[in-house]
């Protein structure tokens, strides 16, 4: 990692769990949070104040994008930004290989570490621990979304696609039987079909837990490991519900990559593309089905709430106000769930190992 030759005495230590202002040798972090937990790997950025308050950029960034969490929007923005700022954008077209063998992990990490720098590598893949194999750990960023909204987006996209039309999607998904395609989502949830049950709906946490087999098992172990990785290895994990604030923070924290991203995102030319995308035929399940799904996804929501709180803490430390209060009542939260998330540009294909695994037995109920 490259740091500037000189910087002022004001620095900042950044991570999702630690944003520490140090002024003239005095830290405010210990007063607010107590001693930080020991970290196996910690990303440290030195922030020097000049007239533009520029944060030196790291030379290796990974965006291990979570499916149906606005990643296509971000990747389209990155394509524009890579040309504008002259960094190396490597966007993998592998969508159905998030879990890797030890040999595959090493091969991928070596390939990533040899890319021309500065680079930003993006792929649907569960967290990779570079330091375990004595390879320099890149900076990680990511964005997640309300788990039920993410699930609904994927459920209907798999069946009916996006703006290109249902008939076009039927041609693109010839293996899907009509009884699966037109399965009522309430039936899927209330009758406990595999697609609407664990472990299939335990989806977001493994992206942050990592490659250990236990990361794919819904439970406290995977949840706590995912939280630990967010604190120790991710510069920023944003939430899609506050995408503009996510982009603003990325612009401030990684200016070499994301400078001017908000201007581009808000431009009419960019949203001409956005208006042509989005899942079709998406509708909200009944309140009963939402309640069942919510409790079934308790680990996903525990993680989402943790990330949201960390994100809001980061916004506060940077000086941004949070205009999105946490829901106080479950029923109100469920009734409003589909109203709180903007429709992003949909991913061309979500990673689909579980879908492929269940292609021949999707109707088999536990």
Protein backbone atom coordinates (compact mmCIF):
# COMPACT_ATOMS: atom_id res chain seq x y z
CA UNK A 1 0.00 0.00 0.00
CA UNK A 2 1.36 3.43 -0.93
CA UNK A 3 1.18 6.40 1.41
CA UNK A 4 2.04 10.03 0.65
CA UNK A 5 5.56 11.17 1.34
CA UNK A 6 4.36 13.82 3.75
CA UNK A 7 1.14 14.52 5.60
CA UNK A 8 -0.04 16.68 8.45
CA UNK A 9 -0.42 15.54 12.05
CA UNK A 10 -4.12 14.88 11.50
CA UNK A 11 -4.72 11.26 10.48
CA UNK A 12 -7.57 8.81 10.44
CA UNK A 13 -7.73 5.05 10.96
CA UNK A 14 -10.59 3.67 8.93
CA UNK A 15 -12.60 0.48 8.92
CA UNK A 16 -16.29 -0.39 9.30
CA UNK A 17 -15.77 -0.91 13.02
CA UNK A 18 -13.13 1.76 13.57
CA UNK A 19 -13.00 5.32 12.35
CA UNK A 20 -10.55 7.04 14.65
CA UNK A 21 -9.68 10.70 14.52
CA UNK A 22 -6.21 11.49 15.79
CA UNK A 23 -5.46 15.15 16.35
CA UNK A 24 -2.04 16.10 17.65
CA UNK A 25 -1.58 12.63 19.06
CA UNK A 26 -4.96 12.45 20.85
CA UNK A 27 -7.61 9.90 19.90
CA UNK A 28 -11.36 10.17 20.41
CA UNK A 29 -12.02 6.52 19.59
CA UNK A 30 -11.06 5.13 23.00
CA UNK A 31 -13.44 7.55 24.69
CA UNK A 32 -16.34 6.50 22.49
CA UNK A 33 -15.77 2.77 22.23
CA UNK A 34 -13.12 1.55 24.63
CA UNK A 35 -10.07 -0.45 23.55
CA UNK A 36 -10.43 -1.96 20.06
CA UNK A 37 -10.34 -5.73 19.72
CA UNK A 38 -7.07 -7.20 18.38
CA UNK A 39 -7.11 -7.52 14.60
CA UNK A 40 -5.29 -10.06 12.47
CA UNK A 41 -5.37 -7.65 9.57
CA UNK A 42 -6.13 -3.95 9.75
CA UNK A 43 -6.48 -1.48 6.92
CA UNK A 44 -4.91 1.83 7.86
CA UNK A 45 -5.20 4.97 5.79
CA UNK A 46 -3.40 8.18 6.58
CA UNK A 47 -5.61 11.17 5.87
CA UNK A 48 -3.72 14.40 5.31
CA UNK A 49 -5.47 17.73 5.26
CA UNK A 50 -4.78 19.91 2.25
CA UNK A 51 -7.10 22.33 0.52
CA UNK A 52 -9.19 19.46 -0.88
CA UNK A 53 -8.95 17.02 2.05
CA UNK A 54 -7.75 14.18 -0.16
CA UNK A 55 -7.44 10.62 1.13
CA UNK A 56 -4.53 8.73 -0.44
CA UNK A 57 -5.86 5.80 -2.41
CA UNK A 58 -4.87 2.14 -1.91
CA UNK A 59 -3.64 0.39 -5.02
CA UNK A 60 -5.66 -2.84 -4.63
CA UNK A 61 -9.44 -2.87 -4.09
CA UNK A 62 -11.89 -5.77 -4.21
CA UNK A 63 -15.65 -5.39 -4.54
CA UNK A 64 -16.97 -8.92 -3.89
CA UNK A 65 -20.42 -7.86 -4.94
CA UNK A 66 -23.51 -9.43 -3.38
CA UNK A 67 -26.17 -10.49 -5.90
CA UNK A 68 -29.26 -8.30 -6.25
CA UNK A 69 -27.78 -5.50 -4.14
CA UNK A 70 -27.34 -2.88 -6.83
CA UNK A 71 -24.00 -4.21 -8.01
CA UNK A 72 -24.80 -3.73 -11.69
CA UNK A 73 -25.42 -0.06 -10.99
CA UNK A 74 -22.04 0.24 -9.31
CA UNK A 75 -20.22 -1.74 -12.01
CA UNK A 76 -21.68 0.51 -14.72
CA UNK A 77 -20.47 3.51 -12.75
CA UNK A 78 -17.05 1.91 -12.34
CA UNK A 79 -16.70 1.43 -16.09
CA UNK A 80 -17.16 5.14 -16.59
CA UNK A 81 -14.88 5.99 -13.67
CA UNK A 82 -12.10 3.61 -14.77
CA UNK A 83 -11.82 5.39 -18.10
CA UNK A 84 -12.04 8.81 -16.45
CA UNK A 85 -9.48 8.15 -13.68
CA UNK A 86 -7.26 5.61 -15.44
CA UNK A 87 -7.39 2.71 -13.01
CA UNK A 88 -7.58 -0.94 -13.98
CA UNK A 89 -11.12 -2.29 -13.63
CA UNK A 90 -11.35 -6.08 -13.78
CA UNK A 91 -14.95 -7.27 -13.70
CA UNK A 92 -15.34 -11.04 -13.66
CA UNK A 93 -18.10 -12.59 -15.74
CA UNK A 94 -18.31 -15.61 -13.41
CA UNK A 95 -21.67 -15.45 -11.64
CA UNK A 96 -22.14 -18.96 -10.27
CA UNK A 97 -18.90 -19.71 -8.44
CA UNK A 98 -18.85 -17.97 -5.08
CA UNK A 99 -17.44 -20.95 -3.15
CA UNK A 100 -13.94 -22.07 -4.04
CA UNK A 101 -11.67 -24.96 -3.20
CA UNK A 102 -8.39 -24.17 -1.45
CA UNK A 103 -6.54 -24.54 -4.76
CA UNK A 104 -9.03 -22.25 -6.53
CA UNK A 105 -8.69 -19.67 -3.77
CA UNK A 106 -4.91 -19.57 -4.09
CA UNK A 107 -5.04 -19.35 -7.89
CA UNK A 108 -7.55 -16.50 -7.81
CA UNK A 109 -5.69 -14.56 -5.12
CA UNK A 110 -2.40 -14.89 -6.99
CA UNK A 111 -4.05 -13.72 -10.20
CA UNK A 112 -5.57 -10.75 -8.39
CA UNK A 113 -2.30 -9.80 -6.67
CA UNK A 114 -0.44 -9.68 -10.00
CA UNK A 115 -2.88 -7.33 -11.74
CA UNK A 116 -1.50 -3.94 -12.84
CA UNK A 117 -2.06 -1.41 -10.07
CA UNK A 118 -4.06 0.55 -9.17
CA UNK A 119 -6.88 -1.92 -9.79
CA UNK A 120 -10.40 -2.61 -8.66
CA UNK A 121 -11.47 -6.24 -9.00
CA UNK A 122 -15.15 -7.15 -8.82
CA UNK A 123 -16.86 -10.52 -8.75
CA UNK A 124 -19.67 -12.43 -7.03
CA UNK A 125 -17.47 -14.34 -4.59
CA UNK A 126 -17.42 -15.01 -0.87
CA UNK A 127 -14.72 -13.24 1.14
CA UNK A 128 -11.15 -14.40 0.47
CA UNK A 129 -8.58 -14.27 3.26
CA UNK A 130 -5.36 -13.35 1.46
CA UNK A 131 -3.27 -13.20 4.63
CA UNK A 132 -4.00 -16.85 5.34
CA UNK A 133 -1.87 -17.68 2.30
CA UNK A 134 0.75 -14.99 3.01
CA UNK A 135 -0.49 -12.72 0.23
CA UNK A 136 -1.03 -8.99 0.78
CA UNK A 137 -4.66 -8.32 1.68
CA UNK A 138 -6.42 -5.83 -0.62
CA UNK A 139 -8.99 -3.32 0.58
CA UNK A 140 -12.57 -4.66 0.46
CA UNK A 141 -15.77 -2.73 -0.21
CA UNK A 142 -19.34 -3.96 -0.62
CA UNK A 143 -23.03 -3.02 -0.53
CA UNK A 144 -25.88 -5.04 0.96
CA UNK A 145 -29.61 -4.64 0.99
CA UNK A 146 -32.62 -5.39 3.18
CA UNK A 147 -32.64 -9.22 3.07
CA UNK A 148 -36.33 -9.65 2.18
CA UNK A 149 -36.12 -7.06 -0.57
CA UNK A 150 -33.05 -8.80 -1.96
CA UNK A 151 -34.87 -12.14 -1.85
CA UNK A 152 -37.96 -10.74 -3.62
CA UNK A 153 -35.85 -9.13 -6.31
CA UNK A 154 -34.11 -12.41 -7.04
CA UNK A 155 -37.30 -14.51 -6.85
CA UNK A 156 -39.08 -12.54 -9.57
CA UNK A 157 -36.02 -11.81 -11.67
CA UNK A 158 -35.28 -15.53 -11.98
CA UNK A 159 -38.79 -16.07 -13.32
CA UNK A 160 -39.61 -13.01 -15.38
CA UNK A 161 -36.39 -11.11 -15.98
CA UNK A 162 -36.22 -7.38 -16.50
CA UNK A 163 -37.11 -4.71 -19.06
CA UNK A 164 -36.21 -7.00 -21.97
CA UNK A 165 -39.57 -8.68 -21.49
CA UNK A 166 -41.01 -11.91 -20.18
CA UNK A 167 -40.89 -13.69 -23.54
CA UNK A 168 -37.23 -12.88 -23.93
CA UNK A 169 -36.59 -14.21 -20.42
CA UNK A 170 -38.50 -17.41 -21.22
CA UNK A 171 -36.05 -18.00 -24.06
CA UNK A 172 -33.10 -17.28 -21.75
CA UNK A 173 -34.33 -19.75 -19.08
CA UNK A 174 -35.56 -22.79 -21.05
CA UNK A 175 -34.83 -25.25 -18.21
CA UNK A 176 -37.32 -23.66 -15.84
CA UNK A 177 -40.63 -25.51 -15.76
CA UNK A 178 -43.87 -23.55 -15.84
CA UNK A 179 -44.94 -24.89 -12.45
CA UNK A 180 -41.76 -23.41 -10.98
CA UNK A 181 -41.90 -20.16 -12.95
CA UNK A 182 -45.47 -19.38 -11.92
CA UNK A 183 -45.26 -20.67 -8.36
CA UNK A 184 -47.02 -18.19 -6.07
CA UNK A 185 -44.47 -16.68 -3.71
CA UNK A 186 -46.85 -17.03 -0.74
CA UNK A 187 -47.12 -20.76 -1.38
CA UNK A 188 -43.35 -20.99 -1.71
CA UNK A 189 -42.85 -19.32 1.66
CA UNK A 190 -45.73 -20.75 3.70
CA UNK A 191 -45.31 -24.31 2.42
CA UNK A 192 -41.55 -24.17 3.00
CA UNK A 193 -40.28 -24.82 -0.52
CA UNK A 194 -36.45 -25.05 -0.71
CA UNK A 195 -36.13 -21.79 -2.63
CA UNK A 196 -37.87 -19.93 0.19
CA UNK A 197 -36.16 -21.70 3.10
CA UNK A 198 -32.76 -22.12 4.67
CA UNK A 199 -30.04 -22.64 3.65
CA UNK A 200 -31.00 -21.08 0.30
CA UNK A 201 -32.14 -17.80 1.87
CA UNK A 202 -29.00 -17.61 4.03
CA UNK A 203 -27.33 -15.61 1.30
CA UNK A 204 -25.72 -12.34 2.40
CA UNK A 205 -23.77 -13.52 5.46
CA UNK A 206 -21.54 -16.02 3.56
CA UNK A 207 -20.23 -13.19 1.34
CA UNK A 208 -18.59 -11.75 4.44
CA UNK A 209 -17.96 -14.89 6.48
CA UNK A 210 -15.70 -16.42 3.83
CA UNK A 211 -14.83 -19.76 2.29
CA UNK A 212 -15.03 -21.98 5.39
CA UNK A 213 -17.77 -24.64 4.92
CA UNK A 214 -19.42 -23.52 8.15
CA UNK A 215 -19.95 -20.09 6.61
CA UNK A 216 -22.80 -21.57 4.57
CA UNK A 217 -24.61 -22.94 7.62
CA UNK A 218 -27.15 -20.53 9.14
CA UNK A 219 -26.01 -19.89 12.69
CA UNK A 220 -24.13 -17.76 15.19
CA UNK A 221 -20.66 -18.94 14.10
CA UNK A 222 -21.03 -17.71 10.53
CA UNK A 223 -22.78 -14.52 11.67
CA UNK A 224 -20.04 -13.54 14.13
CA UNK A 225 -17.25 -14.35 11.70
CA UNK A 226 -18.95 -12.21 9.05
CA UNK A 227 -19.20 -9.30 11.49
CA UNK A 228 -15.54 -9.69 12.43
CA UNK A 229 -14.48 -9.60 8.79
CA UNK A 230 -16.52 -6.45 8.20
CA UNK A 231 -14.71 -4.74 11.07
CA UNK A 232 -11.24 -5.96 10.16
CA UNK A 233 -11.13 -6.23 6.38
CA UNK A 234 -13.71 -3.92 4.80
CA UNK A 235 -13.09 -0.23 4.33
CA UNK A 236 -16.82 0.28 3.76
CA UNK A 237 -19.96 -1.83 3.58
CA UNK A 238 -22.85 0.35 2.54
CA UNK A 239 -26.58 -0.28 2.34
CA UNK A 240 -28.51 0.07 -0.88
CA UNK A 241 -31.33 1.97 0.81
CA UNK A 242 -28.88 4.86 1.20
CA UNK A 243 -26.98 4.44 -2.06
CA UNK A 244 -26.23 8.12 -2.61
CA UNK A 245 -24.59 8.32 0.80
CA UNK A 246 -22.62 5.15 0.01
CA UNK A 247 -21.32 6.74 -3.18
CA UNK A 248 -20.49 9.95 -1.34
CA UNK A 249 -18.45 8.04 1.26
CA UNK A 250 -16.67 6.05 -1.45
CA UNK A 251 -15.87 9.31 -3.23
CA UNK A 252 -14.29 10.65 -0.05
CA UNK A 253 -12.50 7.48 1.03
CA UNK A 254 -11.32 6.27 -2.39
CA UNK A 255 -11.12 9.43 -4.54
CA UNK A 256 -8.78 7.93 -7.12
CA UNK A 257 -11.51 5.44 -7.98
CA UNK A 258 -14.77 7.23 -7.14
CA UNK A 259 -14.18 10.95 -7.62
CA UNK A 260 -17.24 12.52 -9.35
CA UNK A 261 -19.29 9.33 -8.94
CA UNK A 262 -22.32 11.18 -7.55
CA UNK A 263 -22.34 13.62 -10.45
CA UNK A 264 -22.31 10.72 -12.90
CA UNK A 265 -24.93 8.77 -10.95
CA UNK A 266 -27.34 11.73 -10.93
CA UNK A 267 -26.86 12.57 -14.60
CA UNK A 268 -29.84 12.08 -16.97
CA UNK A 269 -27.62 10.14 -19.39
CA UNK A 270 -26.85 7.51 -16.76
CA UNK A 271 -30.49 7.09 -15.76
CA UNK A 272 -31.56 6.56 -19.34
CA UNK A 273 -29.99 3.16 -18.79
CA UNK A 274 -31.51 2.82 -15.34
CA UNK A 275 -35.03 3.46 -16.56
CA UNK A 276 -34.77 0.46 -18.87
CA UNK A 277 -33.89 -2.01 -16.15
CA UNK A 278 -35.55 -3.46 -13.10
CA UNK A 279 -37.31 -6.68 -12.23
CA UNK A 280 -40.77 -7.05 -13.71
CA UNK A 281 -43.89 -8.59 -12.16
CA UNK A 282 -42.48 -8.11 -8.66
CA UNK A 283 -45.13 -7.92 -5.95
CA UNK A 284 -45.23 -8.08 -2.18
CA UNK A 285 -46.16 -11.31 -0.35
CA UNK A 286 -48.90 -11.27 2.28
CA UNK A 287 -48.08 -9.99 5.75
CA UNK A 288 -48.29 -13.55 7.07
CA UNK A 289 -45.74 -14.75 4.54
CA UNK A 290 -43.48 -11.77 5.27
CA UNK A 291 -43.52 -12.54 8.98
CA UNK A 292 -42.58 -16.17 8.35
CA UNK A 293 -39.80 -15.12 6.00
CA UNK A 294 -38.52 -12.46 8.41
CA UNK A 295 -38.11 -14.94 11.27
CA UNK A 296 -36.60 -17.48 8.90
CA UNK A 297 -33.98 -14.90 7.97
CA UNK A 298 -33.08 -13.86 11.52
CA UNK A 299 -29.31 -14.21 10.99
CA UNK A 300 -29.48 -12.25 7.77
CA UNK A 301 -31.32 -9.44 9.56
CA UNK A 302 -28.95 -9.51 12.51
CA UNK A 303 -26.08 -8.99 10.08
CA UNK A 304 -27.93 -6.36 8.05
CA UNK A 305 -28.74 -4.35 11.17
CA UNK A 306 -25.12 -4.58 12.32
CA UNK A 307 -23.85 -3.29 8.96
CA UNK A 308 -26.45 -0.53 8.88
CA UNK A 309 -25.41 0.64 12.35
CA UNK A 310 -21.72 0.57 11.39
CA UNK A 311 -22.50 2.47 8.21
CA UNK A 312 -24.39 5.14 10.14
CA UNK A 313 -21.50 5.42 12.60
CA UNK A 314 -19.13 5.99 9.69
CA UNK A 315 -21.46 8.65 8.27
CA UNK A 316 -21.57 10.37 11.65
CA UNK A 317 -17.78 10.37 11.97
CA UNK A 318 -17.42 11.78 8.47
CA UNK A 319 -20.03 14.44 9.22
CA UNK A 320 -23.06 13.12 7.32
CA UNK A 321 -26.45 13.03 9.02
CA UNK A 322 -28.56 9.88 8.86
CA UNK A 323 -32.10 10.45 7.62
CA UNK A 324 -33.12 6.79 7.84
CA UNK A 325 -34.19 5.85 11.39
CA UNK A 326 -34.29 2.21 12.39
CA UNK A 327 -37.78 0.66 12.33
CA UNK A 328 -39.26 0.42 15.81
CA UNK A 329 -42.02 -2.10 15.19
CA UNK A 330 -41.82 -5.32 13.22
CA UNK A 331 -45.27 -5.17 11.63
CA UNK A 332 -44.83 -1.60 10.44
CA UNK A 333 -41.40 -2.51 9.14
CA UNK A 334 -42.79 -5.44 7.15
CA UNK A 335 -45.67 -3.42 5.69
CA UNK A 336 -43.27 -0.77 4.44
CA UNK A 337 -40.48 -3.08 3.39
CA UNK A 338 -40.92 -2.78 -0.36
CA UNK A 339 -41.28 0.99 -0.20
CA UNK A 340 -37.88 1.67 1.35
CA UNK A 341 -35.53 0.36 -1.31
CA UNK A 342 -35.06 2.02 -4.71
CA UNK A 343 -34.93 -0.33 -7.66
CA UNK A 344 -31.30 -0.51 -8.79
CA UNK A 345 -30.10 -1.70 -12.16
CA UNK A 346 -30.52 -5.45 -11.90
CA UNK A 347 -27.59 -7.84 -12.15
CA UNK A 348 -27.46 -9.67 -15.45
CA UNK A 349 -27.27 -12.96 -13.55
CA UNK A 350 -27.09 -13.61 -9.86
CA UNK A 351 -24.66 -16.23 -8.69
CA UNK A 352 -26.64 -19.43 -8.84
CA UNK A 353 -24.86 -22.43 -7.37
CA UNK A 354 -27.82 -23.24 -5.15
CA UNK A 355 -30.19 -22.85 -8.10
CA UNK A 356 -28.12 -25.26 -10.16
CA UNK A 357 -27.91 -27.69 -7.23
CA UNK A 358 -31.69 -27.76 -6.91
CA UNK A 359 -32.56 -27.71 -10.62
CA UNK A 360 -33.99 -31.21 -10.54
CA UNK A 361 -35.60 -31.26 -7.10
CA UNK A 362 -36.93 -27.76 -6.52
CA UNK A 363 -40.36 -29.11 -5.54
CA UNK A 364 -39.00 -31.51 -2.94
CA UNK A 365 -40.04 -30.20 0.43
CA UNK A 366 -38.12 -30.99 3.66
